[in-house]
Amino acid sequence: MILAWLILWLLAGGLLAWFSARWGNAWPRWISLITLLVQLAALTGLWIGFFSHGNLAVAAPGQWLAELNLPWIPAWGARFHLALDGVGLLMILLTSFLGIVAVAASWQGIQHRVGFFHFNLLWILAAIDGVFLAVDLFLFYFFWELMLVPLYFLIGIWGHQNRVYAALKFFIFTQASSLVMLVAILGLYFAHANSSGVYTFDYLGLLGTPMSSFTEMALMLGFFIAFAVKLPVLPLHTWLPDAHTEAPTAGSVALAGLVLKVGAFGMLRFLLPLFPRAASDFSTLAMSLAVAGIIYGALLAFSQTDLKRMVAYTSISHMGFVLLGIFAWNQLALQGAIVIMIAHGVSTGALFVIVGDLQDRIHTRDLDRMGGLWSVMPRLSGAGLLFALASLGLPGLGNFVGEFLVLLGVYQVSIPLAVLASLGFIVSTVYALWLVQRVFLGRNKHHRQLPDYNLRESAIMAVMIVVITALGLYPQPVLSTARGALKKLGSYAPGHHQPEASGAVAHKDPQAGATKPGSGS
């Protein structure tokens, strides 16, 4: 039941935080922080336990690290089926960590409807955990939709000047793409029933469903559109800069660090295994879109005058590397994609916290009104420099490891695409150093005297610096955790005999439970 408790714990914590606001604004903050600290401690203990018992070598979808499979709506073939593998474990660890960062970063900035704010934040995190754990497509879609509502409120209520427009745009993009995915889920559900006589939403039961090439491609594109909007993929990205720009700091951390990752995770968990032939046929186009996004996002970041909008466009560029690694579909590229997902969550999340802290102090995000801040805020400026260097892919920090692995993997698939993607390193160097120069260096022409980071803010940055540096210097725990799941994922690729990371052990998939119409079993 530990997997159910990971979700229920956050749901309960959110409700308690909301109701506790009647006793004072400090209560929701402390309840949310303690809830997430307890969950992170439990997950860390679980991770250490898996390492000590050697369970992380598990590679088969039927042999999860942990699993809960209960009847839910048997007449439809829907089950409450949660399962955890190495990739899912890394993602829910990231969710808890960035949730703590979001709460701590909002400690002073949120003074209006504090209880309801923390309720929405914790329910977003619970829904994201559900997406990372669900292996029943109906349940997956339930959690996927559950993310939407509290995030809409987070942007629409606590956002900045154009928050209503940004929230509506986010809602329309994500809801429309989700409906496309729902149609694809139902198409797969009925295609499986037509071939087997069994109606089921279970991921394991749906693997290998016989269907024509046209049907498989159509269904795969339905999933891809939904995941591509969340990632986001060019040209489905236009909601992201507006949502990031108008969201409160916690909303930006959740968006950049977690919501974008559910799109990539959906491709890894569902799109590639369920539609391997269609995904393989589509890979060249997907990788081309990824390269276009890498270069486009970096160029657009360089052209911004709004600091927060600039950081938002860097996310499009970095997530292009994730899409590139996923559809390169070999072990090096897949491992690189996982490292980027984690490193991007930490580094870009930290940049959004820094932007929020700057806005609270100088009441603007306009780069033309900044400069010379290092002389008055050395601690904030030093943190900004380090995470800007992480964003450009400096060796020794986590982003470099992931992007380098992706490029190595892509080079084995397409040399031209690898060369073009490497241009993203060059452009990212330009925009990152330009950011540092415009914001922190130069002359303090406005003669600002501003408070530097206090103990709370310094502690947030210190922890995030430790994480991004540890990931850059010693990524092996992350690679070892993900290797088993990625080994199995690579086996779904047509003609999957390819260079593999060492140490993975494959297992045979067990039979998945399914439901016949009207059987109730």
Protein backbone atom coordinates (compact mmCIF):
# COMPACT_ATOMS: atom_id res chain seq x y z
CA MET A 1 0.00 0.00 0.00
CA ILE A 2 3.01 2.33 0.09
CA LEU A 3 2.28 3.56 -3.45
CA ALA A 4 -1.27 4.54 -2.53
CA TRP A 5 -0.02 6.26 0.60
CA LEU A 6 2.43 8.35 -1.44
CA ILE A 7 -0.60 9.94 -3.13
CA LEU A 8 -3.04 9.91 -0.20
CA TRP A 9 -0.46 11.51 2.10
CA LEU A 10 -0.21 14.56 -0.18
CA LEU A 11 -3.98 14.78 -0.67
CA ALA A 12 -4.53 14.68 3.08
CA GLY A 13 -1.74 17.19 3.68
CA GLY A 14 -3.33 19.57 1.18
CA LEU A 15 -6.72 19.37 2.86
CA LEU A 16 -5.19 19.89 6.31
CA ALA A 17 -3.17 22.87 5.05
CA TRP A 18 -6.33 24.45 3.63
CA PHE A 19 -8.40 24.03 6.79
CA SER A 20 -5.54 25.07 9.07
CA ALA A 21 -5.46 28.59 7.57
CA ARG A 22 -8.16 29.63 10.08
CA TRP A 23 -5.49 29.39 12.82
CA GLY A 24 -3.01 31.63 10.97
CA ASN A 25 -0.97 31.81 7.79
CA ALA A 26 1.99 29.97 9.30
CA TRP A 27 0.04 26.73 9.72
CA PRO A 28 -0.46 25.88 6.02
CA ARG A 29 3.21 26.57 5.32
CA TRP A 30 4.50 24.33 8.09
CA ILE A 31 1.98 21.55 7.40
CA SER A 32 2.91 21.52 3.70
CA LEU A 33 6.63 21.57 4.44
CA ILE A 34 6.42 18.76 7.01
CA THR A 35 4.20 16.69 4.70
CA LEU A 36 6.75 16.90 1.89
CA LEU A 37 9.77 16.38 4.15
CA VAL A 38 8.24 13.19 5.56
CA GLN A 39 7.48 11.93 2.06
CA LEU A 40 10.98 12.74 0.79
CA ALA A 41 12.51 10.94 3.79
CA ALA A 42 10.33 7.88 3.17
CA LEU A 43 11.21 7.83 -0.53
CA THR A 44 14.91 8.22 0.21
CA GLY A 45 14.74 5.29 2.61
CA LEU A 46 12.93 3.28 -0.04
CA TRP A 47 15.60 4.17 -2.62
CA ILE A 48 18.41 3.15 -0.28
CA GLY A 49 16.60 -0.10 0.47
CA PHE A 50 16.29 -0.92 -3.23
CA PHE A 51 20.00 -0.27 -3.68
CA SER A 52 21.01 -2.44 -0.71
CA HIS A 53 18.90 -5.38 -1.94
CA GLY A 54 19.95 -5.06 -5.59
CA ASN A 55 16.34 -4.63 -6.75
CA LEU A 56 17.14 -1.82 -9.18
CA ALA A 57 18.31 -4.31 -11.82
CA VAL A 58 14.65 -5.23 -12.38
CA ALA A 59 13.87 -4.58 -16.03
CA ALA A 60 10.49 -6.15 -16.77
CA PRO A 61 7.16 -4.31 -16.49
CA GLY A 62 5.71 -7.30 -14.65
CA GLN A 63 8.40 -7.24 -11.96
CA TRP A 64 8.10 -3.81 -10.44
CA LEU A 65 10.00 -2.46 -7.47
CA ALA A 66 6.58 -2.03 -5.80
CA GLU A 67 3.04 -2.60 -7.03
CA LEU A 68 -0.59 -2.15 -5.99
CA ASN A 69 -3.30 -3.73 -8.17
CA LEU A 70 -6.88 -3.49 -6.90
CA PRO A 71 -10.31 -3.75 -8.58
CA TRP A 72 -11.78 -0.37 -9.43
CA ILE A 73 -14.40 -0.40 -12.25
CA PRO A 74 -14.39 -4.06 -13.31
CA ALA A 75 -17.24 -3.69 -15.80
CA TRP A 76 -14.99 -1.38 -17.87
CA GLY A 77 -11.78 -3.29 -17.30
CA ALA A 78 -10.32 -0.42 -15.25
CA ARG A 79 -8.22 -1.22 -12.18
CA PHE A 80 -6.52 0.86 -9.51
CA HIS A 81 -3.10 -0.29 -10.67
CA LEU A 82 -0.03 1.56 -9.43
CA ALA A 83 3.51 0.36 -10.06
CA LEU A 84 7.00 1.71 -9.45
CA ASP A 85 10.14 1.17 -11.50
CA GLY A 86 13.49 2.95 -11.40
CA VAL A 87 12.45 5.84 -13.64
CA GLY A 88 9.23 6.38 -11.70
CA LEU A 89 11.18 6.35 -8.43
CA LEU A 90 13.51 9.09 -9.68
CA MET A 91 10.57 11.18 -10.84
CA ILE A 92 8.64 11.02 -7.56
CA LEU A 93 11.86 11.81 -5.67
CA LEU A 94 12.19 14.90 -7.88
CA THR A 95 8.52 15.74 -7.22
CA SER A 96 8.98 15.72 -3.44
CA PHE A 97 12.24 17.66 -3.60
CA LEU A 98 10.90 20.43 -5.84
CA GLY A 99 7.69 20.52 -3.82
CA ILE A 100 9.76 21.41 -0.76
CA VAL A 101 11.57 24.08 -2.78
CA ALA A 102 8.23 25.51 -3.99
CA VAL A 103 6.85 25.73 -0.44
CA ALA A 104 10.04 27.29 0.95
CA ALA A 105 10.31 29.78 -1.93
CA SER A 106 6.69 30.92 -1.33
CA TRP A 107 7.13 31.39 2.41
CA GLN A 108 7.03 35.20 2.29
CA GLY A 109 5.73 35.83 -1.24
CA ILE A 110 2.24 34.30 -0.76
CA GLN A 111 0.13 36.27 1.71
CA HIS A 112 -3.31 35.94 0.09
CA ARG A 113 -5.47 32.82 0.65
CA VAL A 114 -2.45 30.96 1.96
CA GLY A 115 -4.33 27.80 2.91
CA PHE A 116 -5.97 27.40 -0.49
CA PHE A 117 -2.62 28.06 -2.20
CA HIS A 118 -0.92 25.19 -0.38
CA PHE A 119 -3.93 22.95 -0.93
CA ASN A 120 -3.59 23.45 -4.69
CA LEU A 121 0.18 22.99 -4.62
CA LEU A 122 0.03 19.68 -2.73
CA TRP A 123 -2.79 18.37 -4.93
CA ILE A 124 -0.74 19.18 -8.04
CA LEU A 125 2.11 17.14 -6.57
CA ALA A 126 -0.25 14.27 -5.67
CA ALA A 127 -1.61 14.19 -9.23
CA ILE A 128 1.91 14.23 -10.66
CA ASP A 129 2.87 11.30 -8.42
CA GLY A 130 -0.22 9.51 -9.70
CA VAL A 131 0.87 10.05 -13.30
CA PHE A 132 4.30 8.61 -12.50
CA LEU A 133 2.79 5.56 -10.79
CA ALA A 134 -0.35 4.68 -12.78
CA VAL A 135 -0.11 1.70 -15.15
CA ASP A 136 -3.81 1.54 -15.94
CA LEU A 137 -4.57 3.95 -18.79
CA PHE A 138 -7.93 5.01 -17.33
CA LEU A 139 -6.28 5.76 -13.98
CA PHE A 140 -3.40 7.50 -15.76
CA TYR A 141 -5.85 9.76 -17.58
CA PHE A 142 -7.63 10.52 -14.29
CA PHE A 143 -4.41 11.77 -12.67
CA TRP A 144 -3.40 13.53 -15.90
CA GLU A 145 -6.59 15.59 -15.76
CA LEU A 146 -6.35 16.10 -12.01
CA MET A 147 -3.11 18.06 -12.55
CA LEU A 148 -4.92 20.62 -14.67
CA VAL A 149 -7.42 22.12 -12.22
CA PRO A 150 -5.18 23.09 -9.26
CA LEU A 151 -2.49 24.39 -11.63
CA TYR A 152 -5.11 26.53 -13.35
CA PHE A 153 -6.07 28.00 -9.96
CA LEU A 154 -2.42 28.49 -8.99
CA ILE A 155 -1.79 30.62 -12.08
CA GLY A 156 -5.21 32.30 -12.22
CA ILE A 157 -5.39 33.40 -8.56
CA TRP A 158 -1.78 34.02 -7.47
CA GLY A 159 -0.24 34.91 -10.83
CA HIS A 160 0.84 38.30 -12.11
CA GLN A 161 -0.83 40.97 -14.24
CA ASN A 162 -2.02 38.84 -17.20
CA ARG A 163 -2.67 35.73 -15.11
CA VAL A 164 -6.23 35.10 -16.33
CA TYR A 165 -5.16 35.10 -19.99
CA ALA A 166 -2.20 32.81 -19.24
CA ALA A 167 -4.33 30.42 -17.17
CA LEU A 168 -7.01 30.17 -19.86
CA LYS A 169 -4.44 29.61 -22.59
CA PHE A 170 -2.78 26.88 -20.52
CA PHE A 171 -6.16 25.28 -19.84
CA ILE A 172 -7.25 25.31 -23.49
CA PHE A 173 -3.99 23.85 -24.80
CA THR A 174 -3.74 21.10 -22.23
CA GLN A 175 -7.43 20.21 -22.18
CA ALA A 176 -7.70 20.01 -25.98
CA SER A 177 -4.62 17.79 -26.21
CA SER A 178 -5.88 15.63 -23.33
CA LEU A 179 -9.13 14.98 -25.18
CA VAL A 180 -7.12 13.85 -28.20
CA MET A 181 -5.27 11.42 -25.93
CA LEU A 182 -8.56 10.18 -24.46
CA VAL A 183 -9.78 9.32 -27.97
CA ALA A 184 -6.52 7.46 -28.58
CA ILE A 185 -6.86 5.56 -25.29
CA LEU A 186 -10.37 4.48 -26.22
CA GLY A 187 -9.17 3.53 -29.70
CA LEU A 188 -6.50 1.28 -28.20
CA TYR A 189 -9.05 -0.12 -25.71
CA PHE A 190 -11.43 -1.18 -28.49
CA ALA A 191 -8.64 -2.33 -30.83
CA HIS A 192 -7.44 -4.70 -28.12
CA ALA A 193 -11.00 -5.90 -27.48
CA ASN A 194 -11.54 -6.58 -31.19
CA SER A 195 -8.43 -8.75 -31.37
CA SER A 196 -8.70 -10.56 -28.03
CA GLY A 197 -12.29 -10.24 -26.81
CA VAL A 198 -10.95 -8.70 -23.59
CA TYR A 199 -11.71 -5.14 -22.51
CA THR A 200 -8.90 -3.69 -20.40
CA PHE A 201 -7.10 -0.44 -19.75
CA ASP A 202 -4.14 -2.22 -18.15
CA TYR A 203 -0.78 -1.26 -19.63
CA LEU A 204 0.61 -4.79 -19.40
CA GLY A 205 -2.44 -6.27 -21.08
CA LEU A 206 -2.35 -3.73 -23.91
CA LEU A 207 1.31 -4.34 -24.80
CA GLY A 208 1.62 -5.98 -28.20
CA THR A 209 -1.99 -5.33 -29.25
CA PRO A 210 -2.34 -6.40 -32.91
CA MET A 211 -3.40 -3.53 -35.17
CA SER A 212 -2.77 -2.23 -38.66
CA SER A 213 0.08 0.19 -39.35
CA PHE A 214 -2.39 3.02 -40.02
CA THR A 215 -4.26 2.40 -36.75
CA GLU A 216 -1.06 2.20 -34.75
CA MET A 217 0.23 5.46 -36.24
CA ALA A 218 -3.07 7.26 -35.64
CA LEU A 219 -3.25 6.13 -32.01
CA MET A 220 0.41 6.90 -31.41
CA LEU A 221 -0.10 10.45 -32.72
CA GLY A 222 -3.01 10.91 -30.31
CA PHE A 223 -0.70 10.11 -27.38
CA PHE A 224 2.15 12.13 -28.90
CA ILE A 225 0.09 15.32 -29.23
CA ALA A 226 -0.89 15.25 -25.54
CA PHE A 227 2.65 14.53 -24.37
CA ALA A 228 4.14 17.04 -26.85
CA VAL A 229 1.96 19.86 -25.51
CA LYS A 230 3.13 19.15 -21.96
CA LEU A 231 6.83 18.74 -22.90
CA PRO A 232 6.42 21.16 -24.90
CA VAL A 233 7.40 20.45 -28.51
CA LEU A 234 7.61 23.08 -31.24
CA PRO A 235 5.07 24.29 -32.49
CA LEU A 236 2.80 23.28 -29.56
CA HIS A 237 4.80 25.34 -27.08
CA THR A 238 3.14 28.75 -27.17
CA TRP A 239 1.28 28.34 -23.87
CA LEU A 240 4.51 27.83 -21.92
CA PRO A 241 6.13 31.31 -21.97
CA ASP A 242 2.84 32.97 -21.00
CA ALA A 243 2.13 30.49 -18.21
CA HIS A 244 5.65 30.76 -16.80
CA THR A 245 5.69 34.55 -17.03
CA GLU A 246 2.43 35.00 -15.15
CA ALA A 247 2.66 32.10 -12.66
CA PRO A 248 3.83 32.65 -9.07
CA THR A 249 7.25 31.29 -8.22
CA ALA A 250 5.86 27.99 -6.91
CA GLY A 251 3.80 27.59 -10.07
CA SER A 252 6.86 28.16 -12.26
CA VAL A 253 8.87 25.63 -10.25
CA ALA A 254 6.07 23.06 -10.59
CA LEU A 255 5.65 23.79 -14.31
CA ALA A 256 9.32 23.71 -15.25
CA GLY A 257 10.44 21.06 -12.84
CA LEU A 258 7.54 18.62 -12.94
CA VAL A 259 4.66 19.28 -15.35
CA LEU A 260 6.99 19.32 -18.35
CA LYS A 261 8.43 16.00 -17.17
CA VAL A 262 5.10 14.19 -17.27
CA GLY A 263 5.07 14.63 -21.05
CA ALA A 264 8.48 13.01 -21.37
CA PHE A 265 7.55 10.30 -18.88
CA GLY A 266 4.37 9.52 -20.81
CA MET A 267 6.43 8.94 -23.94
CA LEU A 268 8.78 6.62 -22.08
CA ARG A 269 6.11 4.68 -20.19
CA PHE A 270 3.31 4.44 -22.76
CA LEU A 271 4.05 5.77 -26.24
CA LEU A 272 7.18 3.79 -27.10
CA PRO A 273 6.14 0.39 -25.64
CA LEU A 274 2.53 0.49 -26.83
CA PHE A 275 3.27 1.69 -30.38
CA PRO A 276 6.84 0.58 -31.18
CA ARG A 277 6.52 0.36 -34.97
CA ALA A 278 4.74 3.69 -35.31
CA ALA A 279 7.17 5.37 -32.92
CA SER A 280 10.10 3.99 -34.92
CA ASP A 281 8.61 5.25 -38.19
CA PHE A 282 7.92 8.63 -36.60
CA SER A 283 11.33 8.95 -34.94
CA THR A 284 13.06 10.96 -37.67
CA LEU A 285 10.34 13.60 -37.68
CA ALA A 286 10.22 13.67 -33.86
CA MET A 287 14.00 14.09 -33.63
CA SER A 288 13.87 16.86 -36.26
CA LEU A 289 11.23 18.66 -34.19
CA ALA A 290 13.48 18.20 -31.15
CA VAL A 291 16.47 19.78 -32.89
CA ALA A 292 14.30 22.65 -34.13
CA GLY A 293 13.07 23.18 -30.57
CA ILE A 294 16.63 23.16 -29.17
CA ILE A 295 17.79 25.89 -31.55
CA TYR A 296 14.51 27.86 -31.59
CA GLY A 297 14.20 27.92 -27.78
CA ALA A 298 17.80 29.07 -27.37
CA LEU A 299 17.47 31.83 -29.98
CA LEU A 300 14.17 33.07 -28.54
CA ALA A 301 15.67 33.08 -25.04
CA PHE A 302 18.44 35.35 -26.29
CA SER A 303 15.92 37.80 -27.76
CA GLN A 304 13.86 38.34 -24.56
CA THR A 305 13.91 41.42 -22.36
CA ASP A 306 11.71 39.86 -19.64
CA LEU A 307 13.98 37.75 -17.43
CA LYS A 308 11.30 35.22 -16.52
CA ARG A 309 10.22 34.82 -20.13
CA MET A 310 13.86 34.27 -21.06
CA VAL A 311 14.18 31.41 -18.56
CA ALA A 312 10.90 29.97 -19.89
CA TYR A 313 12.28 29.75 -23.42
CA THR A 314 15.38 27.96 -22.16
CA SER A 315 13.04 25.18 -21.02
CA ILE A 316 11.87 24.64 -24.60
CA SER A 317 15.50 24.25 -25.65
CA HIS A 318 16.44 21.86 -22.85
CA MET A 319 13.35 19.70 -23.24
CA GLY A 320 14.22 19.40 -26.93
CA PHE A 321 17.22 17.37 -25.81
CA VAL A 322 14.86 15.11 -23.84
CA LEU A 323 12.66 14.50 -26.89
CA LEU A 324 15.77 13.87 -28.97
CA GLY A 325 17.05 11.27 -26.52
CA ILE A 326 13.69 9.51 -26.24
CA PHE A 327 13.28 8.98 -29.98
CA ALA A 328 16.95 8.11 -30.52
CA TRP A 329 15.84 5.08 -28.44
CA ASN A 330 19.19 3.64 -27.40
CA GLN A 331 20.55 3.24 -23.90
CA LEU A 332 22.96 6.19 -23.96
CA ALA A 333 20.34 8.60 -25.26
CA LEU A 334 17.61 7.33 -22.91
CA GLN A 335 19.87 7.62 -19.87
CA GLY A 336 20.83 11.11 -20.98
CA ALA A 337 17.16 12.06 -21.26
CA ILE A 338 16.53 10.93 -17.67
CA VAL A 339 19.50 12.92 -16.36
CA ILE A 340 18.33 16.03 -18.24
CA MET A 341 14.84 15.68 -16.80
CA ILE A 342 16.25 15.75 -13.28
CA ALA A 343 18.96 18.35 -13.92
CA HIS A 344 16.58 20.67 -15.75
CA GLY A 345 14.07 20.39 -12.93
CA VAL A 346 16.69 21.48 -10.41
CA SER A 347 18.55 24.13 -12.43
CA THR A 348 15.59 25.81 -14.10
CA GLY A 349 13.56 25.54 -10.91
CA ALA A 350 16.38 27.39 -9.13
CA LEU A 351 16.48 30.06 -11.84
CA PHE A 352 12.75 30.66 -11.44
CA VAL A 353 13.21 30.99 -7.68
CA ILE A 354 15.98 33.53 -8.28
CA VAL A 355 13.81 35.47 -10.74
CA GLY A 356 10.98 35.51 -8.20
CA ASP A 357 13.33 36.73 -5.47
CA LEU A 358 14.63 39.49 -7.76
CA GLN A 359 11.10 40.57 -8.65
CA ASP A 360 10.15 40.75 -4.98
CA ARG A 361 13.13 43.07 -4.38
CA ILE A 362 13.25 45.33 -7.44
CA HIS A 363 9.62 44.91 -8.63
CA THR A 364 10.55 44.34 -12.25
CA ARG A 365 11.72 41.57 -14.57
CA ASP A 366 12.92 43.97 -17.27
CA LEU A 367 16.55 43.23 -18.13
CA ASP A 368 17.06 46.85 -19.20
CA ARG A 369 16.40 47.96 -15.62
CA MET A 370 18.90 45.56 -14.07
CA GLY A 371 22.67 45.42 -13.81
CA GLY A 372 25.38 45.70 -11.17
CA LEU A 373 23.49 43.59 -8.65
CA TRP A 374 26.56 41.58 -7.64
CA SER A 375 27.88 44.52 -5.63
CA VAL A 376 24.75 44.66 -3.46
CA MET A 377 23.53 41.02 -3.50
CA PRO A 378 26.60 38.75 -3.85
CA ARG A 379 24.91 35.60 -2.51
CA LEU A 380 21.92 35.86 -4.85
CA SER A 381 24.21 36.79 -7.76
CA GLY A 382 26.56 33.88 -7.08
CA ALA A 383 23.66 31.44 -7.12
CA GLY A 384 22.39 33.01 -10.34
CA LEU A 385 25.81 32.63 -11.96
CA LEU A 386 26.09 28.96 -11.01
CA PHE A 387 22.65 28.02 -12.33
CA ALA A 388 23.18 30.03 -15.50
CA LEU A 389 26.35 27.99 -16.03
CA ALA A 390 24.37 24.82 -15.37
CA SER A 391 21.86 25.92 -18.00
CA LEU A 392 24.59 26.34 -20.63
CA GLY A 393 25.86 22.81 -19.90
CA LEU A 394 29.09 23.50 -17.99
CA PRO A 395 31.05 20.27 -17.29
CA GLY A 396 30.80 19.31 -13.64
CA LEU A 397 27.12 20.20 -13.41
CA GLY A 398 24.17 17.90 -14.08
CA ASN A 399 22.90 19.36 -17.36
CA PHE A 400 26.19 18.62 -19.11
CA VAL A 401 26.05 14.92 -18.26
CA GLY A 402 22.56 14.51 -19.66
CA GLU A 403 23.08 16.52 -22.84
CA PHE A 404 26.42 14.84 -23.54
CA LEU A 405 24.88 11.36 -23.19
CA VAL A 406 22.01 12.34 -25.48
CA LEU A 407 24.39 13.61 -28.15
CA LEU A 408 26.46 10.41 -27.91
CA GLY A 409 23.33 8.32 -28.34
CA VAL A 410 21.97 10.44 -31.18
CA TYR A 411 25.34 10.32 -32.97
CA GLN A 412 24.86 6.55 -33.32
CA VAL A 413 21.49 7.15 -34.99
CA SER A 414 21.96 10.31 -37.06
CA ILE A 415 25.20 12.26 -37.32
CA PRO A 416 23.59 15.34 -38.97
CA LEU A 417 20.97 15.64 -36.20
CA ALA A 418 23.66 15.25 -33.53
CA VAL A 419 25.73 18.02 -35.15
CA LEU A 420 22.72 20.35 -35.40
CA ALA A 421 21.69 19.64 -31.80
CA SER A 422 25.20 20.49 -30.61
CA LEU A 423 24.59 24.03 -31.89
CA GLY A 424 22.27 24.35 -28.92
CA PHE A 425 25.35 24.31 -26.66
CA ILE A 426 26.78 27.30 -28.52
CA VAL A 427 23.60 29.39 -28.40
CA SER A 428 22.95 28.46 -24.76
CA THR A 429 26.42 29.73 -23.87
CA VAL A 430 25.55 33.08 -25.44
CA TYR A 431 22.21 33.55 -23.67
CA ALA A 432 23.46 32.31 -20.29
CA LEU A 433 26.47 34.63 -20.22
CA TRP A 434 24.32 37.46 -21.57
CA LEU A 435 21.91 36.89 -18.67
CA VAL A 436 24.74 37.07 -16.13
CA GLN A 437 26.17 40.22 -17.72
CA ARG A 438 22.83 42.04 -17.97
CA VAL A 439 21.60 41.17 -14.47
CA PHE A 440 24.54 40.79 -12.14
CA LEU A 441 27.61 42.45 -13.67
CA GLY A 442 28.29 45.94 -14.99
CA ARG A 443 27.43 49.19 -13.24
CA ASN A 444 24.70 49.61 -10.65
CA LYS A 445 23.24 52.48 -12.67
CA HIS A 446 20.06 52.69 -10.58
CA HIS A 447 22.10 52.88 -7.33
CA ARG A 448 19.97 50.20 -5.73
CA GLN A 449 20.57 49.15 -2.13
CA LEU A 450 18.84 45.79 -1.79
CA PRO A 451 18.80 43.05 0.85
CA ASP A 452 20.81 39.96 -0.05
CA TYR A 453 19.63 36.42 0.57
CA ASN A 454 18.59 35.66 4.13
CA LEU A 455 19.15 32.33 5.85
CA ARG A 456 16.02 30.68 4.39
CA GLU A 457 16.77 31.76 0.85
CA SER A 458 20.44 30.85 1.15
CA ALA A 459 19.51 27.38 2.42
CA ILE A 460 17.23 26.80 -0.59
CA MET A 461 20.01 27.71 -3.02
CA ALA A 462 22.65 25.76 -1.09
CA VAL A 463 20.64 22.54 -1.25
CA MET A 464 19.91 22.96 -4.96
CA ILE A 465 23.59 23.70 -5.67
CA VAL A 466 24.59 20.51 -3.85
CA VAL A 467 22.10 18.46 -5.89
CA ILE A 468 23.05 19.86 -9.31
CA THR A 469 26.77 19.53 -8.52
CA ALA A 470 26.42 15.98 -7.20
CA LEU A 471 24.50 15.02 -10.34
CA GLY A 472 27.26 16.48 -12.48
CA LEU A 473 30.17 14.91 -10.62
CA TYR A 474 28.66 11.54 -9.71
CA PRO A 475 25.54 10.66 -11.74
CA GLN A 476 25.98 6.92 -11.22
CA PRO A 477 23.20 6.48 -8.62
CA VAL A 478 20.71 8.02 -11.05
CA LEU A 479 21.98 5.97 -13.99
CA SER A 480 21.93 2.76 -11.94
CA THR A 481 18.40 3.44 -10.72
CA ALA A 482 17.05 4.02 -14.23
CA ARG A 483 19.09 1.38 -16.04
CA GLY A 484 16.79 -1.60 -15.51
CA ALA A 485 13.67 0.19 -16.72
CA LEU A 486 15.49 1.72 -19.69
CA LYS A 487 16.97 -1.64 -20.64
CA LYS A 488 13.47 -3.07 -20.94
CA LEU A 489 12.28 0.01 -22.82
CA GLY A 490 15.08 -0.42 -25.34
CA SER A 491 13.95 -3.99 -25.97
CA TYR A 492 10.67 -2.73 -27.46
CA ALA A 493 12.48 -0.91 -30.28
CA PRO A 494 12.21 -2.66 -33.66
CA GLY A 495 15.66 -4.14 -34.36
CA HIS A 496 16.72 -3.22 -30.84
CA HIS A 497 20.17 -4.80 -30.93
CA GLN A 498 22.13 -1.68 -30.09
CA PRO A 499 24.85 -0.46 -27.71
CA GLU A 500 23.59 -0.81 -24.15
CA ALA A 501 24.62 0.43 -20.77
CA SER A 502 26.19 -2.25 -18.62
CA GLY A 503 24.66 -3.86 -15.59
CA ALA A 504 21.04 -4.23 -16.72
CA VAL A 505 19.19 -7.50 -16.25
CA ALA A 506 16.15 -8.37 -18.36
CA HIS A 507 13.11 -10.26 -17.12
CA LYS A 508 10.16 -11.79 -18.89
CA ASP A 509 6.83 -9.96 -18.63
CA PRO A 510 4.14 -11.83 -16.68
CA GLN A 511 0.55 -12.10 -17.85
CA ALA A 512 -1.45 -8.94 -17.20
CA GLY A 513 -4.93 -9.17 -15.72
CA ALA A 514 -7.82 -8.19 -18.00
CA THR A 515 -11.57 -7.97 -17.89
CA LYS A 516 -14.09 -9.43 -20.29
CA PRO A 517 -17.22 -7.39 -20.91
CA GLY A 518 -19.76 -7.92 -18.16
CA SER A 519 -17.63 -10.45 -16.29
CA GLY A 520 -16.88 -8.15 -13.35
CA SER A 521 -13.57 -9.92 -12.75
